[in-house]
Amino acid sequence: GGGGGGGNLTCTLVPLSPAQISYLGLPAAPKGEEWAAITCPGNQPFGGVTLESKGGGGAPPVTPQELLQIAEGELTVPALRPQTAPPATGDGLVGLPELFWIPSAEWKAAFRTVSVGGVWATVTATPEQITFDPGGGLTGPTCAGPGLGGLAAQQAARSDPCSYSYDQSSALQPRGTYAAAVVVTWRVTWTGSGGVGGTLNAGLQVPFPLPLRVAEGQALVTGQ
């Protein structure tokens, strides 16, 4: 998937017809109110139903918590594509640090805002750390942020926490590769009109599969 991003979804309230009210099994609306659908653009015909005052007066017909449910369903937290050195497309070597990082252009929050009139809710997913899962039942390191990339990372390879060295080749692994992955941990929070909000998920983990071939290093033999 691509990098983070966001968008605003402006929804409206559309009164339900008697047939729709019957189909949904809703009770009769209280006097002075009517059933309405929270109607949002896109695939879903509506984001739920709510009572609203006829003529648009009275208290706000929807709450930020109702819109939060729609925003959660509309937000896609991407699987960020990592970069590695040496490149994952070639063979790594036993004992050679494999560096991994997320490009800075991809390391950004994803958000979605849903609003009806003056009521709104925003869900935000913010990347916080990356973990290298080496595969093969092995445990890899976790480092805060996206990791180091480029020449500076290669120079710091042996001390950079965002690197991993295999002790054995992948020859005996299924399909001859380690089923590795780079896992990004996201913090998912929300805010809404009226000062409401909170944390929805403090540790949402989204992996990006990264199968790696690792070869034994060959000893150098020099002639006499």
Protein backbone atom coordinates (compact mmCIF):
# COMPACT_ATOMS: atom_id res chain seq x y z
CA GLY A 1 0.00 0.00 0.00
CA GLY A 2 0.89 3.63 -0.28
CA GLY A 3 1.86 6.07 2.42
CA GLY A 4 -0.31 7.78 4.95
CA GLY A 5 -2.69 10.55 4.18
CA GLY A 6 -6.19 11.58 4.96
CA GLY A 7 -9.38 13.13 3.84
CA ASN A 8 -12.64 14.67 4.89
CA LEU A 9 -15.99 12.97 4.48
CA THR A 10 -18.95 15.36 4.64
CA CYS A 11 -22.15 13.47 5.37
CA THR A 12 -25.76 14.60 5.42
CA LEU A 13 -28.98 13.55 7.14
CA VAL A 14 -31.66 12.22 4.79
CA PRO A 15 -35.13 11.46 6.20
CA LEU A 16 -36.13 7.80 5.88
CA SER A 17 -39.24 6.83 3.96
CA PRO A 18 -41.99 4.82 5.70
CA ALA A 19 -40.87 1.76 3.72
CA GLN A 20 -37.27 2.14 4.93
CA ILE A 21 -38.41 2.61 8.54
CA SER A 22 -40.49 -0.57 8.26
CA TYR A 23 -37.64 -2.52 6.64
CA LEU A 24 -35.22 -1.53 9.41
CA GLY A 25 -37.76 -2.38 12.10
CA LEU A 26 -37.54 1.02 13.75
CA PRO A 27 -40.10 2.15 16.32
CA ALA A 28 -42.26 5.18 15.71
CA ALA A 29 -40.33 8.43 16.07
CA PRO A 30 -41.22 10.63 19.05
CA LYS A 31 -43.43 13.63 18.41
CA GLY A 32 -41.59 16.40 16.63
CA GLU A 33 -38.78 14.09 15.45
CA GLU A 34 -38.14 11.86 12.47
CA TRP A 35 -35.78 9.05 11.53
CA ALA A 36 -32.93 10.03 9.24
CA ALA A 37 -30.03 8.19 7.65
CA ILE A 38 -26.48 9.44 8.08
CA THR A 39 -25.69 9.44 4.37
CA CYS A 40 -22.05 9.63 3.29
CA PRO A 41 -20.52 9.68 -0.19
CA GLY A 42 -18.89 6.46 -1.28
CA ASN A 43 -19.86 2.82 -1.21
CA GLN A 44 -21.98 2.78 1.93
CA PRO A 45 -25.60 3.95 1.46
CA PHE A 46 -25.57 5.39 4.97
CA GLY A 47 -23.49 5.35 8.10
CA GLY A 48 -26.37 4.58 10.44
CA VAL A 49 -29.68 6.06 11.48
CA THR A 50 -30.50 8.71 14.04
CA LEU A 51 -33.39 10.80 15.25
CA GLU A 52 -33.50 14.44 14.24
CA SER A 53 -35.91 17.23 14.98
CA LYS A 54 -38.29 18.00 12.17
CA GLY A 55 -37.30 21.26 10.57
CA GLY A 56 -33.71 21.00 11.79
CA GLY A 57 -34.19 22.62 15.20
CA GLY A 58 -33.34 21.25 18.61
CA ALA A 59 -30.21 19.44 19.76
CA PRO A 60 -27.61 18.21 17.25
CA PRO A 61 -29.02 15.01 15.74
CA VAL A 62 -25.75 13.09 15.71
CA THR A 63 -22.92 12.71 18.20
CA PRO A 64 -19.17 12.64 17.54
CA GLN A 65 -19.20 9.03 18.80
CA GLU A 66 -21.60 8.03 16.02
CA LEU A 67 -19.42 9.71 13.42
CA LEU A 68 -16.36 8.06 14.96
CA GLN A 69 -17.71 4.65 13.97
CA ILE A 70 -17.98 5.80 10.36
CA ALA A 71 -14.50 7.37 10.41
CA GLU A 72 -12.96 4.15 11.76
CA GLY A 73 -14.52 2.19 8.92
CA GLU A 74 -13.31 4.69 6.33
CA LEU A 75 -9.70 4.93 7.54
CA THR A 76 -7.17 2.65 5.89
CA VAL A 77 -3.90 2.24 7.78
CA PRO A 78 -1.33 1.44 5.07
CA ALA A 79 1.29 -1.31 5.11
CA LEU A 80 4.41 0.82 4.64
CA ARG A 81 6.95 -0.58 2.17
CA PRO A 82 10.40 -0.81 3.79
CA GLN A 83 13.78 -0.40 2.17
CA THR A 84 16.75 -2.55 3.07
CA ALA A 85 20.50 -2.61 2.65
CA PRO A 86 21.60 -4.94 1.16
CA PRO A 87 18.49 -4.89 -1.07
CA ALA A 88 15.98 -7.62 -0.27
CA THR A 89 15.87 -8.55 -3.97
CA GLY A 90 19.34 -10.11 -3.72
CA ASP A 91 21.04 -12.50 -1.32
CA GLY A 92 22.06 -11.35 2.12
CA LEU A 93 25.06 -12.91 3.82
CA VAL A 94 25.40 -14.66 7.15
CA GLY A 95 26.93 -12.21 9.61
CA LEU A 96 26.32 -9.17 7.40
CA PRO A 97 23.92 -6.67 9.04
CA GLU A 98 20.64 -6.26 7.17
CA LEU A 99 19.44 -2.70 7.64
CA PHE A 100 15.79 -1.80 7.34
CA TRP A 101 13.94 1.51 7.36
CA ILE A 102 10.82 3.26 6.09
CA PRO A 103 11.44 6.15 3.65
CA SER A 104 10.75 9.48 5.31
CA ALA A 105 8.17 10.40 2.65
CA GLU A 106 6.09 7.38 3.71
CA TRP A 107 6.44 7.96 7.46
CA LYS A 108 3.39 10.12 8.10
CA ALA A 109 0.05 9.96 9.82
CA ALA A 110 -3.13 8.75 8.15
CA PHE A 111 -6.42 10.35 9.13
CA ARG A 112 -10.09 10.52 8.28
CA THR A 113 -12.63 13.16 9.29
CA VAL A 114 -16.39 12.66 9.10
CA SER A 115 -18.76 15.57 9.69
CA VAL A 116 -22.47 16.27 9.70
CA GLY A 117 -23.21 19.95 10.03
CA GLY A 118 -21.12 21.24 12.92
CA VAL A 119 -20.57 17.79 14.46
CA TRP A 120 -17.37 15.98 13.49
CA ALA A 121 -14.97 13.20 14.42
CA THR A 122 -11.40 12.61 13.24
CA VAL A 123 -9.50 9.33 13.53
CA THR A 124 -5.71 9.59 13.23
CA ALA A 125 -3.17 6.76 12.94
CA THR A 126 0.41 7.84 13.69
CA PRO A 127 3.40 5.53 13.03
CA GLU A 128 5.65 5.22 16.08
CA GLN A 129 8.15 2.39 15.69
CA ILE A 130 9.30 -0.43 13.44
CA THR A 131 10.14 -4.02 14.30
CA PHE A 132 12.08 -6.45 12.16
CA ASP A 133 10.63 -9.97 12.28
CA PRO A 134 13.43 -12.19 10.91
CA GLY A 135 11.16 -15.20 10.38
CA GLY A 136 12.22 -18.75 11.19
CA GLY A 137 11.09 -18.37 14.79
CA LEU A 138 13.77 -15.74 15.43
CA THR A 139 13.31 -12.47 17.31
CA GLY A 140 14.40 -9.18 15.78
CA PRO A 141 14.95 -5.66 17.07
CA THR A 142 12.52 -2.79 17.52
CA CYS A 143 13.53 0.83 17.05
CA ALA A 144 11.67 4.09 17.52
CA GLY A 145 10.85 6.06 14.40
CA PRO A 146 11.37 4.99 10.78
CA GLY A 147 15.01 3.89 11.09
CA LEU A 148 18.01 5.27 9.30
CA GLY A 149 18.33 5.19 5.54
CA GLY A 150 21.05 5.80 3.00
CA LEU A 151 24.80 6.12 3.48
CA ALA A 152 24.63 7.24 7.11
CA ALA A 153 22.75 4.07 7.99
CA GLN A 154 25.27 1.87 6.21
CA GLN A 155 28.15 3.52 8.04
CA ALA A 156 26.36 2.96 11.36
CA ALA A 157 25.28 -0.58 10.48
CA ARG A 158 26.97 -2.40 13.32
CA SER A 159 25.61 -0.11 16.01
CA ASP A 160 22.25 0.81 14.48
CA PRO A 161 19.37 -0.89 16.32
CA CYS A 162 17.48 -1.03 13.02
CA SER A 163 19.63 -3.84 11.68
CA TYR A 164 19.76 -7.61 12.04
CA SER A 165 22.44 -10.21 11.34
CA TYR A 166 21.53 -13.81 10.54
CA ASP A 167 23.64 -16.57 12.07
CA GLN A 168 22.54 -19.21 9.57
CA SER A 169 21.71 -19.25 5.89
CA SER A 170 18.14 -19.60 4.66
CA ALA A 171 18.92 -22.85 2.80
CA LEU A 172 16.91 -24.99 5.22
CA GLN A 173 13.97 -22.58 5.45
CA PRO A 174 10.76 -23.23 3.47
CA ARG A 175 11.34 -22.20 -0.18
CA GLY A 176 14.90 -21.32 0.80
CA THR A 177 13.95 -17.94 2.25
CA TYR A 178 13.33 -16.46 5.68
CA ALA A 179 9.68 -15.36 5.97
CA ALA A 180 10.73 -11.98 7.32
CA ALA A 181 8.60 -8.88 7.71
CA VAL A 182 8.94 -5.28 8.78
CA VAL A 183 6.14 -4.41 11.21
CA VAL A 184 5.08 -0.80 11.79
CA THR A 185 3.36 -0.04 15.10
CA TRP A 186 0.75 2.72 14.91
CA ARG A 187 -1.04 4.67 17.63
CA VAL A 188 -4.68 5.27 16.69
CA THR A 189 -6.44 8.21 18.37
CA TRP A 190 -9.54 10.27 17.79
CA THR A 191 -10.88 13.74 18.47
CA GLY A 192 -14.34 15.16 18.03
CA SER A 193 -16.38 18.31 18.32
CA GLY A 194 -17.01 19.40 21.89
CA GLY A 195 -13.56 18.38 23.09
CA VAL A 196 -14.12 14.62 23.14
CA GLY A 197 -11.54 12.06 22.07
CA GLY A 198 -9.07 9.48 23.27
CA THR A 199 -6.87 6.55 22.27
CA LEU A 200 -8.48 3.77 20.23
CA ASN A 201 -5.46 1.49 19.82
CA ALA A 202 -2.04 2.19 21.32
CA GLY A 203 -0.30 -0.59 19.39
CA LEU A 204 -1.84 -1.40 16.01
CA GLN A 205 0.72 -3.55 14.17
CA VAL A 206 0.73 -3.63 10.37
CA PRO A 207 3.31 -5.97 8.76
CA PHE A 208 4.90 -5.77 5.33
CA PRO A 209 6.13 -9.24 4.21
CA LEU A 210 9.78 -9.26 3.21
CA PRO A 211 11.05 -12.73 2.22
CA LEU A 212 14.84 -12.82 2.42
CA ARG A 213 17.44 -15.19 1.03
CA VAL A 214 20.58 -15.41 3.14
CA ALA A 215 23.70 -17.18 1.86
CA GLU A 216 26.80 -18.41 3.63
CA GLY A 217 29.78 -16.13 3.16
CA GLN A 218 32.49 -17.76 1.06
CA ALA A 219 36.03 -17.75 2.39
CA LEU A 220 38.53 -16.00 0.15
CA VAL A 221 41.20 -18.30 -1.27
CA THR A 222 44.36 -16.73 -2.65
CA GLY A 223 46.84 -18.48 -4.90
CA GLN A 224 50.49 -18.94 -4.07
